[in-house]
Amino acid sequence: MVATEQDIKKWYDRLHAEKGQDAWRPYEAYSEVLKYFRIAKGKKLLDVGCGTGFFLKHVASKGLDTYGVDISEEGVKIAQVVSPDSKIKVGKGEQLDFPNEYFDYVTCNGALEHFLDMEKGVKEMVRVANKDAVFCIIVPNRNFLPWKLKLGKGTAQQDINENLLSKSEWKNLFSKMGLEIIAIYQDNWPRKNLNIIYKLIWLLLPLNYTYQFVFIMKKYD
């Protein structure tokens, strides 16, 4: 059965209602994300699929003017408490309610793969970003080695409309939507809770077989 927009809203509303602020990565996890791109105080950042707002809280503390959008009303309620200095509202990534070329930074951390129309979602992110904007988008890898070995498949949100792509497939999608890739990193936060052996294995995984990619991008000149 193909999920609808209402199905996705209900799924995330239920999850946020059950788990509250514990639904996603903790606050301290987002210092890892900020290592991947330089930020400047006073600039505007949009986080698409902002969830419970911990990333927004983190970047707001660095002096950015922060905005967030999420499809879940329950998630937005939590995010508004977690990051009161951010401007957060309910909305879908495929239809962002912001002017053209408005933001200096656009982020989407672990949400794009759940969009009903990923191309339209990326196109909207490109539209609201100014010509010098930096993008940080974190997405899962279809070729994650344990999944290739049949040890499960999909993230913790796999129950609702999850699109898994390989590194080359993600690159093609972003390029098609007008983004130039600056760098691709391994998402290292999930290894924090692994034992020492698995941490070493994780670090030794080639990028093509890692769990998630961190794409740092800009608009094509």
N, C-alpha and C. Protein backbone atom coordinates (compact mmCIF):
# COMPACT_ATOMS: atom_id res chain seq x y z
N MET A 1 0.84 -1.20 0.00
CA MET A 1 0.00 0.00 0.00
C MET A 1 0.87 1.24 0.00
N VAL A 2 0.60 2.17 -0.92
CA VAL A 2 1.38 3.41 -1.00
C VAL A 2 0.88 4.40 0.04
N ALA A 3 1.81 4.98 0.81
CA ALA A 3 1.44 5.94 1.84
C ALA A 3 0.94 7.24 1.22
N THR A 4 0.00 7.87 1.89
CA THR A 4 -0.48 9.19 1.48
C THR A 4 0.11 10.24 2.41
N GLU A 5 -0.07 11.51 2.04
CA GLU A 5 0.40 12.60 2.90
C GLU A 5 -0.22 12.50 4.29
N GLN A 6 -1.51 12.16 4.34
CA GLN A 6 -2.19 12.04 5.63
C GLN A 6 -1.64 10.88 6.44
N ASP A 7 -1.30 9.78 5.77
CA ASP A 7 -0.69 8.64 6.46
C ASP A 7 0.62 9.05 7.13
N ILE A 8 1.43 9.80 6.40
CA ILE A 8 2.73 10.22 6.92
C ILE A 8 2.55 11.17 8.10
N LYS A 9 1.63 12.11 7.99
CA LYS A 9 1.36 13.03 9.10
C LYS A 9 0.95 12.26 10.35
N LYS A 10 0.02 11.33 10.19
CA LYS A 10 -0.47 10.57 11.33
C LYS A 10 0.64 9.75 11.96
N TRP A 11 1.49 9.16 11.11
CA TRP A 11 2.60 8.32 11.62
C TRP A 11 3.54 9.14 12.49
N TYR A 12 3.93 10.32 11.99
CA TYR A 12 4.85 11.16 12.75
C TYR A 12 4.18 11.80 13.95
N ASP A 13 2.92 12.17 13.84
CA ASP A 13 2.20 12.72 15.00
C ASP A 13 2.17 11.69 16.13
N ARG A 14 1.88 10.44 15.78
CA ARG A 14 1.83 9.39 16.79
C ARG A 14 3.21 9.16 17.42
N LEU A 15 4.24 9.15 16.59
CA LEU A 15 5.59 8.93 17.11
C LEU A 15 6.00 10.05 18.06
N HIS A 16 5.78 11.30 17.65
CA HIS A 16 6.15 12.43 18.50
C HIS A 16 5.33 12.46 19.79
N ALA A 17 4.06 12.10 19.70
CA ALA A 17 3.21 12.08 20.89
C ALA A 17 3.70 11.03 21.88
N GLU A 18 4.19 9.91 21.36
CA GLU A 18 4.65 8.82 22.22
C GLU A 18 6.02 9.10 22.82
N LYS A 19 6.93 9.66 22.01
CA LYS A 19 8.32 9.78 22.45
C LYS A 19 8.73 11.18 22.87
N GLY A 20 7.94 12.18 22.52
CA GLY A 20 8.27 13.55 22.91
C GLY A 20 9.62 13.98 22.37
N GLN A 21 10.44 14.57 23.23
CA GLN A 21 11.74 15.08 22.80
C GLN A 21 12.75 13.96 22.54
N ASP A 22 12.42 12.74 22.88
CA ASP A 22 13.36 11.62 22.72
C ASP A 22 13.23 10.91 21.38
N ALA A 23 12.43 11.47 20.46
CA ALA A 23 12.16 10.76 19.21
C ALA A 23 13.39 10.65 18.31
N TRP A 24 14.26 11.65 18.31
CA TRP A 24 15.38 11.67 17.36
C TRP A 24 16.71 11.84 18.06
N ARG A 25 17.67 12.28 17.34
CA ARG A 25 19.01 12.46 17.90
C ARG A 25 18.97 13.48 19.04
N PRO A 26 19.80 13.28 20.05
CA PRO A 26 19.85 14.25 21.15
C PRO A 26 20.53 15.55 20.71
N TYR A 27 20.40 16.55 21.54
CA TYR A 27 20.93 17.87 21.23
C TYR A 27 22.40 17.83 20.85
N GLU A 28 23.21 17.09 21.63
CA GLU A 28 24.65 17.09 21.42
C GLU A 28 25.06 16.48 20.08
N ALA A 29 24.17 15.71 19.46
CA ALA A 29 24.51 15.07 18.18
C ALA A 29 24.74 16.09 17.07
N TYR A 30 24.18 17.26 17.20
CA TYR A 30 24.20 18.19 16.08
C TYR A 30 25.49 19.00 15.98
N SER A 31 26.34 18.94 17.00
CA SER A 31 27.67 19.54 16.85
C SER A 31 28.43 18.80 15.76
N GLU A 32 28.14 17.50 15.60
CA GLU A 32 28.76 16.69 14.54
C GLU A 32 28.36 17.21 13.17
N VAL A 33 27.08 17.56 13.00
CA VAL A 33 26.61 18.07 11.71
C VAL A 33 27.29 19.40 11.38
N LEU A 34 27.42 20.27 12.37
CA LEU A 34 27.98 21.60 12.10
C LEU A 34 29.46 21.55 11.74
N LYS A 35 30.13 20.44 12.04
CA LYS A 35 31.53 20.32 11.65
C LYS A 35 31.69 20.27 10.14
N TYR A 36 30.62 19.91 9.44
CA TYR A 36 30.73 19.68 8.01
C TYR A 36 30.63 20.94 7.16
N PHE A 37 30.14 22.03 7.75
CA PHE A 37 30.10 23.28 6.96
C PHE A 37 30.20 24.49 7.89
N ARG A 38 30.85 25.54 7.38
CA ARG A 38 31.08 26.74 8.17
C ARG A 38 29.82 27.60 8.18
N ILE A 39 29.52 28.18 9.35
CA ILE A 39 28.37 29.05 9.46
C ILE A 39 28.81 30.43 9.90
N ALA A 40 28.01 31.42 9.59
CA ALA A 40 28.31 32.80 9.95
C ALA A 40 27.13 33.40 10.70
N LYS A 41 27.41 34.10 11.78
CA LYS A 41 26.36 34.70 12.60
C LYS A 41 25.53 35.68 11.77
N GLY A 42 24.24 35.73 12.12
CA GLY A 42 23.36 36.68 11.47
C GLY A 42 22.74 36.19 10.17
N LYS A 43 23.18 35.04 9.68
CA LYS A 43 22.64 34.48 8.45
C LYS A 43 21.36 33.70 8.75
N LYS A 44 20.58 33.44 7.72
CA LYS A 44 19.31 32.73 7.88
C LYS A 44 19.45 31.26 7.46
N LEU A 45 18.94 30.36 8.31
CA LEU A 45 18.99 28.92 8.05
C LEU A 45 17.59 28.33 8.12
N LEU A 46 17.27 27.48 7.16
CA LEU A 46 16.02 26.73 7.14
C LEU A 46 16.33 25.25 7.32
N ASP A 47 15.66 24.62 8.29
CA ASP A 47 15.77 23.17 8.47
C ASP A 47 14.46 22.54 8.04
N VAL A 48 14.52 21.76 6.97
CA VAL A 48 13.33 21.12 6.40
C VAL A 48 13.17 19.73 7.02
N GLY A 49 11.99 19.47 7.60
CA GLY A 49 11.80 18.24 8.35
C GLY A 49 12.49 18.35 9.69
N CYS A 50 12.21 19.45 10.41
CA CYS A 50 12.99 19.80 11.60
C CYS A 50 12.70 18.93 12.82
N GLY A 51 11.64 18.10 12.75
CA GLY A 51 11.37 17.20 13.86
C GLY A 51 11.20 17.93 15.18
N THR A 52 11.92 17.49 16.21
CA THR A 52 11.76 18.05 17.55
C THR A 52 12.60 19.30 17.79
N GLY A 53 13.33 19.77 16.80
CA GLY A 53 13.96 21.08 16.88
C GLY A 53 15.33 21.17 17.52
N PHE A 54 15.96 20.03 17.81
CA PHE A 54 17.27 20.10 18.47
C PHE A 54 18.34 20.72 17.57
N PHE A 55 18.29 20.42 16.28
CA PHE A 55 19.27 21.04 15.38
C PHE A 55 19.07 22.56 15.33
N LEU A 56 17.82 22.99 15.26
CA LEU A 56 17.54 24.43 15.25
C LEU A 56 18.04 25.10 16.53
N LYS A 57 17.82 24.45 17.65
CA LYS A 57 18.31 25.00 18.92
C LYS A 57 19.82 25.16 18.90
N HIS A 58 20.50 24.16 18.34
CA HIS A 58 21.95 24.18 18.30
C HIS A 58 22.46 25.33 17.42
N VAL A 59 21.90 25.47 16.22
CA VAL A 59 22.40 26.52 15.32
C VAL A 59 21.95 27.91 15.78
N ALA A 60 20.78 28.00 16.44
CA ALA A 60 20.34 29.29 16.97
C ALA A 60 21.31 29.78 18.04
N SER A 61 21.89 28.84 18.80
CA SER A 61 22.85 29.21 19.84
C SER A 61 24.15 29.74 19.25
N LYS A 62 24.36 29.50 17.95
CA LYS A 62 25.55 29.99 17.25
C LYS A 62 25.31 31.36 16.61
N GLY A 63 24.12 31.92 16.81
CA GLY A 63 23.85 33.26 16.31
C GLY A 63 23.16 33.33 14.97
N LEU A 64 22.58 32.22 14.49
CA LEU A 64 21.86 32.24 13.22
C LEU A 64 20.38 32.56 13.45
N ASP A 65 19.77 33.14 12.44
CA ASP A 65 18.34 33.37 12.41
C ASP A 65 17.71 32.09 11.84
N THR A 66 17.00 31.34 12.66
CA THR A 66 16.64 29.97 12.31
C THR A 66 15.14 29.80 12.05
N TYR A 67 14.86 28.97 11.04
CA TYR A 67 13.49 28.65 10.62
C TYR A 67 13.38 27.14 10.48
N GLY A 68 12.18 26.62 10.77
CA GLY A 68 11.97 25.19 10.62
C GLY A 68 10.59 24.87 10.07
N VAL A 69 10.52 23.75 9.34
CA VAL A 69 9.27 23.26 8.78
C VAL A 69 9.19 21.76 9.03
N ASP A 70 8.01 21.29 9.44
CA ASP A 70 7.83 19.85 9.59
C ASP A 70 6.38 19.50 9.30
N ILE A 71 6.17 18.31 8.76
CA ILE A 71 4.82 17.88 8.39
C ILE A 71 3.97 17.53 9.61
N SER A 72 4.61 17.26 10.74
CA SER A 72 3.92 16.81 11.94
C SER A 72 3.57 17.97 12.88
N GLU A 73 2.30 18.13 13.18
CA GLU A 73 1.88 19.16 14.13
C GLU A 73 2.44 18.87 15.52
N GLU A 74 2.46 17.60 15.92
CA GLU A 74 3.00 17.23 17.23
C GLU A 74 4.50 17.54 17.29
N GLY A 75 5.21 17.25 16.19
CA GLY A 75 6.64 17.56 16.15
C GLY A 75 6.89 19.04 16.26
N VAL A 76 6.11 19.85 15.57
CA VAL A 76 6.28 21.31 15.60
C VAL A 76 6.00 21.85 17.00
N LYS A 77 5.00 21.32 17.69
CA LYS A 77 4.71 21.76 19.06
C LYS A 77 5.93 21.55 19.96
N ILE A 78 6.55 20.39 19.82
CA ILE A 78 7.74 20.09 20.63
C ILE A 78 8.89 21.00 20.23
N ALA A 79 9.10 21.17 18.91
CA ALA A 79 10.21 21.99 18.42
C ALA A 79 10.09 23.44 18.88
N GLN A 80 8.89 23.95 18.94
CA GLN A 80 8.69 25.34 19.37
C GLN A 80 9.06 25.53 20.83
N VAL A 81 8.94 24.48 21.63
CA VAL A 81 9.38 24.53 23.03
C VAL A 81 10.89 24.36 23.13
N VAL A 82 11.41 23.40 22.36
CA VAL A 82 12.84 23.10 22.39
C VAL A 82 13.67 24.29 21.88
N SER A 83 13.22 24.92 20.80
CA SER A 83 13.97 26.03 20.20
C SER A 83 13.07 27.26 20.07
N PRO A 84 12.78 27.94 21.18
CA PRO A 84 11.82 29.05 21.17
C PRO A 84 12.27 30.25 20.34
N ASP A 85 13.56 30.36 20.07
CA ASP A 85 14.05 31.49 19.27
C ASP A 85 13.91 31.24 17.77
N SER A 86 13.50 30.04 17.39
CA SER A 86 13.35 29.70 15.97
C SER A 86 11.91 29.94 15.51
N LYS A 87 11.77 30.22 14.24
CA LYS A 87 10.44 30.40 13.63
C LYS A 87 10.07 29.07 12.97
N ILE A 88 9.15 28.33 13.60
CA ILE A 88 8.86 26.96 13.18
C ILE A 88 7.37 26.84 12.87
N LYS A 89 7.06 26.17 11.77
CA LYS A 89 5.66 26.00 11.41
C LYS A 89 5.43 24.66 10.72
N VAL A 90 4.15 24.28 10.70
CA VAL A 90 3.76 23.04 10.02
C VAL A 90 3.74 23.28 8.51
N GLY A 91 4.30 22.34 7.77
CA GLY A 91 4.32 22.45 6.32
C GLY A 91 5.02 21.25 5.72
N LYS A 92 4.85 21.06 4.43
CA LYS A 92 5.51 19.92 3.78
C LYS A 92 6.68 20.43 2.94
N GLY A 93 7.69 19.58 2.83
CA GLY A 93 8.91 19.98 2.14
C GLY A 93 8.72 20.25 0.67
N GLU A 94 7.69 19.65 0.07
CA GLU A 94 7.46 19.85 -1.35
C GLU A 94 6.76 21.18 -1.66
N GLN A 95 6.40 21.93 -0.62
CA GLN A 95 5.70 23.20 -0.84
C GLN A 95 6.09 24.16 0.29
N LEU A 96 7.28 24.71 0.20
CA LEU A 96 7.80 25.58 1.25
C LEU A 96 7.22 26.99 1.14
N ASP A 97 6.71 27.48 2.25
CA ASP A 97 6.04 28.77 2.27
C ASP A 97 7.03 29.89 2.59
N PHE A 98 8.01 30.07 1.69
CA PHE A 98 9.02 31.10 1.85
C PHE A 98 9.34 31.72 0.49
N PRO A 99 9.84 32.95 0.48
CA PRO A 99 10.17 33.61 -0.80
C PRO A 99 11.36 32.95 -1.49
N ASN A 100 11.50 33.24 -2.76
CA ASN A 100 12.67 32.79 -3.51
C ASN A 100 13.95 33.39 -2.92
N GLU A 101 15.02 32.61 -2.96
CA GLU A 101 16.38 33.07 -2.60
C GLU A 101 16.42 33.77 -1.24
N TYR A 102 15.77 33.17 -0.25
CA TYR A 102 15.62 33.80 1.06
C TYR A 102 16.69 33.35 2.07
N PHE A 103 17.18 32.12 1.95
CA PHE A 103 18.04 31.55 2.99
C PHE A 103 19.50 31.43 2.57
N ASP A 104 20.37 31.53 3.59
CA ASP A 104 21.81 31.37 3.39
C ASP A 104 22.25 29.92 3.60
N TYR A 105 21.47 29.17 4.36
CA TYR A 105 21.73 27.76 4.62
C TYR A 105 20.41 27.00 4.56
N VAL A 106 20.44 25.82 3.97
CA VAL A 106 19.27 24.94 3.96
C VAL A 106 19.74 23.54 4.38
N THR A 107 19.08 22.99 5.40
CA THR A 107 19.44 21.67 5.89
C THR A 107 18.22 20.75 5.87
N CYS A 108 18.50 19.47 5.74
CA CYS A 108 17.44 18.45 5.78
C CYS A 108 18.11 17.18 6.30
N ASN A 109 17.94 16.92 7.58
CA ASN A 109 18.68 15.86 8.25
C ASN A 109 17.83 14.62 8.47
N GLY A 110 17.91 13.68 7.54
CA GLY A 110 17.18 12.43 7.70
C GLY A 110 15.69 12.52 7.45
N ALA A 111 15.28 13.39 6.53
CA ALA A 111 13.85 13.54 6.24
C ALA A 111 13.53 13.36 4.76
N LEU A 112 14.43 13.74 3.89
CA LEU A 112 14.15 13.75 2.44
C LEU A 112 13.68 12.38 1.95
N GLU A 113 14.25 11.31 2.47
CA GLU A 113 13.91 9.97 1.98
C GLU A 113 12.46 9.58 2.27
N HIS A 114 11.78 10.35 3.10
CA HIS A 114 10.38 10.07 3.43
C HIS A 114 9.40 10.97 2.68
N PHE A 115 9.90 11.85 1.84
CA PHE A 115 9.02 12.71 1.05
C PHE A 115 8.27 11.88 0.01
N LEU A 116 7.05 12.28 -0.28
CA LEU A 116 6.30 11.63 -1.35
C LEU A 116 6.88 11.96 -2.72
N ASP A 117 7.44 13.17 -2.85
CA ASP A 117 8.06 13.60 -4.11
C ASP A 117 9.41 14.23 -3.78
N MET A 118 10.46 13.40 -3.80
CA MET A 118 11.79 13.89 -3.39
C MET A 118 12.32 14.96 -4.34
N GLU A 119 12.09 14.79 -5.63
CA GLU A 119 12.58 15.77 -6.60
C GLU A 119 11.96 17.14 -6.35
N LYS A 120 10.66 17.15 -6.12
CA LYS A 120 9.98 18.42 -5.84
C LYS A 120 10.48 19.03 -4.54
N GLY A 121 10.76 18.17 -3.55
CA GLY A 121 11.28 18.66 -2.29
C GLY A 121 12.64 19.34 -2.44
N VAL A 122 13.55 18.70 -3.18
CA VAL A 122 14.86 19.30 -3.41
C VAL A 122 14.73 20.58 -4.24
N LYS A 123 13.86 20.55 -5.23
CA LYS A 123 13.62 21.74 -6.06
C LYS A 123 13.17 22.92 -5.22
N GLU A 124 12.32 22.66 -4.23
CA GLU A 124 11.85 23.72 -3.34
C GLU A 124 12.98 24.25 -2.46
N MET A 125 13.84 23.37 -1.98
CA MET A 125 14.99 23.81 -1.19
C MET A 125 15.89 24.72 -2.01
N VAL A 126 16.09 24.35 -3.26
CA VAL A 126 16.92 25.17 -4.16
C VAL A 126 16.26 26.52 -4.40
N ARG A 127 14.96 26.52 -4.56
CA ARG A 127 14.24 27.78 -4.84
C ARG A 127 14.39 28.79 -3.71
N VAL A 128 14.28 28.33 -2.46
CA VAL A 128 14.29 29.28 -1.34
C VAL A 128 15.70 29.66 -0.89
N ALA A 129 16.71 29.07 -1.50
CA ALA A 129 18.11 29.35 -1.14
C ALA A 129 18.69 30.42 -2.05
N ASN A 130 19.49 31.33 -1.47
CA ASN A 130 20.11 32.35 -2.31
C ASN A 130 21.27 31.77 -3.11
N LYS A 131 21.84 32.55 -3.98
CA LYS A 131 22.83 32.04 -4.94
C LYS A 131 24.10 31.52 -4.26
N ASP A 132 24.41 32.02 -3.06
CA ASP A 132 25.61 31.58 -2.35
C ASP A 132 25.31 30.61 -1.22
N ALA A 133 24.10 30.14 -1.15
CA ALA A 133 23.67 29.29 -0.03
C ALA A 133 24.43 27.96 0.01
N VAL A 134 24.57 27.44 1.23
CA VAL A 134 25.17 26.12 1.45
C VAL A 134 24.08 25.17 1.92
N PHE A 135 24.08 23.96 1.36
CA PHE A 135 23.09 22.94 1.69
C PHE A 135 23.77 21.80 2.45
N CYS A 136 23.08 21.28 3.47
CA CYS A 136 23.54 20.07 4.16
C CYS A 136 22.35 19.12 4.22
N ILE A 137 22.44 18.01 3.50
CA ILE A 137 21.34 17.05 3.43
C ILE A 137 21.88 15.67 3.80
N ILE A 138 21.26 15.05 4.81
CA ILE A 138 21.68 13.73 5.28
C ILE A 138 20.65 12.69 4.82
N VAL A 139 21.12 11.67 4.14
CA VAL A 139 20.23 10.65 3.57
C VAL A 139 20.82 9.26 3.75
N PRO A 140 19.97 8.22 3.82
CA PRO A 140 20.45 6.85 4.02
C PRO A 140 20.96 6.21 2.72
N ASN A 141 21.81 5.22 2.91
CA ASN A 141 22.45 4.54 1.78
C ASN A 141 21.83 3.16 1.54
N ARG A 142 21.26 2.98 0.38
CA ARG A 142 20.66 1.68 0.02
C ARG A 142 21.68 0.54 0.10
N ASN A 143 22.98 0.88 -0.09
CA ASN A 143 24.03 -0.14 -0.11
C ASN A 143 24.78 -0.27 1.21
N PHE A 144 24.17 0.19 2.31
CA PHE A 144 24.78 0.00 3.63
C PHE A 144 25.11 -1.49 3.81
N LEU A 145 26.35 -1.79 4.18
CA LEU A 145 26.85 -3.17 4.14
C LEU A 145 25.98 -4.16 4.91
N PRO A 146 25.58 -3.88 6.15
CA PRO A 146 24.72 -4.86 6.84
C PRO A 146 23.41 -5.13 6.10
N TRP A 147 22.86 -4.11 5.43
CA TRP A 147 21.64 -4.34 4.66
C TRP A 147 21.94 -5.22 3.44
N LYS A 148 23.12 -5.01 2.84
CA LYS A 148 23.51 -5.85 1.70
C LYS A 148 23.67 -7.31 2.13
N LEU A 149 24.07 -7.51 3.41
CA LEU A 149 24.25 -8.86 3.94
C LEU A 149 22.94 -9.42 4.50
N LYS A 150 21.83 -8.74 4.20
CA LYS A 150 20.49 -9.18 4.61
C LYS A 150 20.27 -9.09 6.11
N LEU A 151 21.01 -8.20 6.78
CA LEU A 151 20.82 -8.01 8.22
C LEU A 151 19.86 -6.84 8.45
N GLY A 152 18.67 -6.96 7.88
CA GLY A 152 17.69 -5.88 7.98
C GLY A 152 17.85 -4.92 6.81
N LYS A 153 16.90 -4.00 6.70
CA LYS A 153 16.97 -3.01 5.64
C LYS A 153 16.09 -1.82 5.99
N GLY A 154 16.68 -0.65 6.06
CA GLY A 154 15.91 0.55 6.34
C GLY A 154 16.22 1.15 7.70
N THR A 155 15.92 2.44 7.84
CA THR A 155 16.21 3.18 9.07
C THR A 155 15.11 2.93 10.09
N ALA A 156 15.21 3.64 11.22
CA ALA A 156 14.20 3.52 12.28
C ALA A 156 12.83 4.02 11.83
N GLN A 157 12.80 4.74 10.71
CA GLN A 157 11.53 5.26 10.19
C GLN A 157 11.07 4.51 8.93
N GLN A 158 11.53 3.31 8.75
CA GLN A 158 11.26 2.57 7.52
C GLN A 158 9.80 2.18 7.36
N ASP A 159 9.02 2.28 8.43
CA ASP A 159 7.61 1.88 8.36
C ASP A 159 6.75 2.83 7.55
N ILE A 160 7.30 4.00 7.19
CA ILE A 160 6.47 4.97 6.49
C ILE A 160 7.20 5.60 5.31
N ASN A 161 6.91 5.13 4.11
CA ASN A 161 7.37 5.76 2.87
C ASN A 161 8.86 6.09 2.86
N GLU A 162 9.70 5.09 2.91
CA GLU A 162 11.14 5.34 2.91
C GLU A 162 11.74 4.98 1.56
N ASN A 163 12.48 5.93 0.98
CA ASN A 163 13.15 5.74 -0.30
C ASN A 163 14.65 5.61 -0.07
N LEU A 164 15.20 4.43 -0.32
CA LEU A 164 16.63 4.20 -0.14
C LEU A 164 17.33 4.26 -1.48
N LEU A 165 18.37 5.11 -1.58
CA LEU A 165 19.14 5.24 -2.81
C LEU A 165 20.61 5.01 -2.52
N SER A 166 21.38 4.68 -3.54
CA SER A 166 22.82 4.54 -3.42
C SER A 166 23.48 5.91 -3.52
N LYS A 167 24.78 5.96 -3.26
CA LYS A 167 25.50 7.24 -3.35
C LYS A 167 25.36 7.85 -4.73
N SER A 168 25.55 7.05 -5.78
CA SER A 168 25.47 7.58 -7.14
C SER A 168 24.05 8.05 -7.47
N GLU A 169 23.05 7.34 -6.96
CA GLU A 169 21.66 7.73 -7.22
C GLU A 169 21.32 9.04 -6.52
N TRP A 170 21.79 9.22 -5.28
CA TRP A 170 21.57 10.50 -4.60
C TRP A 170 22.29 11.63 -5.35
N LYS A 171 23.51 11.37 -5.78
CA LYS A 171 24.26 12.38 -6.53
C LYS A 171 23.51 12.80 -7.79
N ASN A 172 22.97 11.83 -8.49
CA ASN A 172 22.22 12.14 -9.71
C ASN A 172 20.97 12.96 -9.41
N LEU A 173 20.28 12.63 -8.33
CA LEU A 173 19.08 13.38 -7.95
C LEU A 173 19.42 14.83 -7.65
N PHE A 174 20.44 15.05 -6.83
CA PHE A 174 20.81 16.41 -6.45
C PHE A 174 21.29 17.22 -7.66
N SER A 175 22.09 16.58 -8.50
CA SER A 175 22.58 17.26 -9.70
C SER A 175 21.43 17.65 -10.62
N LYS A 176 20.49 16.75 -10.79
CA LYS A 176 19.33 17.01 -11.64
C LYS A 176 18.53 18.20 -11.15
N MET A 177 18.50 18.41 -9.84
CA MET A 177 17.73 19.50 -9.25
C MET A 177 18.53 20.80 -9.11
N GLY A 178 19.76 20.81 -9.65
CA GLY A 178 20.52 22.05 -9.70
C GLY A 178 21.53 22.26 -8.60
N LEU A 179 21.96 21.18 -7.94
CA LEU A 179 22.93 21.31 -6.86
C LEU A 179 24.28 20.73 -7.26
N GLU A 180 25.31 21.46 -6.90
CA GLU A 180 26.70 21.01 -7.11
C GLU A 180 27.23 20.47 -5.80
N ILE A 181 27.78 19.27 -5.82
CA ILE A 181 28.28 18.63 -4.60
C ILE A 181 29.67 19.15 -4.26
N ILE A 182 29.80 19.66 -3.04
CA ILE A 182 31.10 20.13 -2.55
C ILE A 182 31.85 18.99 -1.88
N ALA A 183 31.13 18.21 -1.06
CA ALA A 183 31.76 17.09 -0.35
C ALA A 183 30.68 16.10 0.09
N ILE A 184 31.10 14.85 0.29
CA ILE A 184 30.22 13.82 0.83
C ILE A 184 30.96 13.17 2.00
N TYR A 185 30.30 13.14 3.16
CA TYR A 185 30.90 12.56 4.35
C TYR A 185 30.08 11.38 4.86
N GLN A 186 30.72 10.58 5.67
CA GLN A 186 30.02 9.53 6.39
C GLN A 186 29.33 10.15 7.60
N ASP A 187 28.10 9.75 7.85
CA ASP A 187 27.38 10.21 9.05
C ASP A 187 27.83 9.36 10.23
N ASN A 188 28.66 9.93 11.11
CA ASN A 188 29.29 9.14 12.15
C ASN A 188 28.52 9.08 13.47
N TRP A 189 27.49 9.92 13.63
CA TRP A 189 26.82 9.92 14.92
C TRP A 189 26.24 8.55 15.30
N PRO A 190 25.62 7.79 14.41
CA PRO A 190 25.01 6.52 14.83
C PRO A 190 25.99 5.53 15.45
N ARG A 191 27.29 5.67 15.19
CA ARG A 191 28.25 4.71 15.74
C ARG A 191 28.53 4.96 17.23
N LYS A 192 28.05 6.09 17.77
CA LYS A 192 28.36 6.47 19.15
C LYS A 192 27.94 5.40 20.15
N ASN A 193 26.84 4.70 19.87
CA ASN A 193 26.33 3.72 20.81
C ASN A 193 26.78 2.29 20.53
N LEU A 194 27.72 2.12 19.60
CA LEU A 194 28.22 0.79 19.28
C LEU A 194 29.38 0.41 20.19
N ASN A 195 29.64 -0.89 20.32
CA ASN A 195 30.82 -1.30 21.09
C ASN A 195 32.08 -1.04 20.27
N ILE A 196 33.23 -1.20 20.87
CA ILE A 196 34.49 -0.80 20.26
C ILE A 196 34.76 -1.55 18.95
N ILE A 197 34.40 -2.82 18.87
CA ILE A 197 34.64 -3.60 17.66
C ILE A 197 33.82 -3.04 16.50
N TYR A 198 32.54 -2.84 16.77
CA TYR A 198 31.66 -2.33 15.72
C TYR A 198 32.01 -0.89 15.33
N LYS A 199 32.52 -0.12 16.29
CA LYS A 199 32.96 1.23 15.96
C LYS A 199 34.12 1.20 14.97
N LEU A 200 35.05 0.28 15.18
CA LEU A 200 36.19 0.15 14.27
C LEU A 200 35.73 -0.30 12.89
N ILE A 201 34.82 -1.25 12.86
CA ILE A 201 34.30 -1.72 11.57
C ILE A 201 33.60 -0.57 10.85
N TRP A 202 32.81 0.19 11.60
CA TRP A 202 32.08 1.33 11.03
C TRP A 202 33.06 2.31 10.37
N LEU A 203 34.13 2.63 11.10
CA LEU A 203 35.10 3.61 10.59
C LEU A 203 35.85 3.10 9.37
N LEU A 204 35.97 1.78 9.25
CA LEU A 204 36.70 1.19 8.13
C LEU A 204 35.83 0.97 6.90
N LEU A 205 34.51 1.14 7.05
CA LEU A 205 33.63 0.94 5.91
C LEU A 205 33.93 1.94 4.80
N PRO A 206 34.07 1.49 3.56
CA PRO A 206 34.19 2.44 2.46
C PRO A 206 32.94 3.30 2.38
N LEU A 207 33.09 4.50 1.88
CA LEU A 207 31.97 5.43 1.83
C LEU A 207 30.76 4.84 1.11
N ASN A 208 31.01 4.07 0.06
CA ASN A 208 29.90 3.48 -0.71
C ASN A 208 29.04 2.53 0.11
N TYR A 209 29.57 2.04 1.24
CA TYR A 209 28.84 1.07 2.06
C TYR A 209 28.49 1.59 3.45
N THR A 210 28.64 2.89 3.66
CA THR A 210 28.31 3.48 4.95
C THR A 210 26.81 3.55 5.14
N TYR A 211 26.39 3.89 6.37
CA TYR A 211 24.97 3.91 6.71
C TYR A 211 24.24 5.10 6.08
N GLN A 212 24.76 6.30 6.32
CA GLN A 212 24.13 7.51 5.78
C GLN A 212 25.20 8.45 5.23
N PHE A 213 24.80 9.25 4.24
CA PHE A 213 25.68 10.23 3.64
C PHE A 213 25.31 11.63 4.13
N VAL A 214 26.34 12.44 4.33
CA VAL A 214 26.15 13.87 4.58
C VAL A 214 26.61 14.59 3.33
N PHE A 215 25.66 15.13 2.58
CA PHE A 215 25.97 15.86 1.35
C PHE A 215 26.07 17.35 1.65
N ILE A 216 27.21 17.94 1.33
CA ILE A 216 27.39 19.40 1.42
C ILE A 216 27.38 19.92 -0.01
N MET A 217 26.49 20.89 -0.28
CA MET A 217 26.28 21.31 -1.67
C MET A 217 26.03 22.81 -1.79
N LYS A 218 26.06 23.27 -3.03
CA LYS A 218 25.70 24.64 -3.36
C LYS A 218 24.97 24.62 -4.71
N LYS A 219 24.38 25.77 -5.05
CA LYS A 219 23.75 25.87 -6.36
C LYS A 219 24.82 25.91 -7.44
N TYR A 220 24.50 25.37 -8.60
CA TYR A 220 25.39 25.51 -9.74
C TYR A 220 25.52 26.99 -10.11
N ASP A 221 26.73 27.41 -10.45
CA ASP A 221 26.94 28.80 -10.87
C ASP A 221 26.25 29.07 -12.21
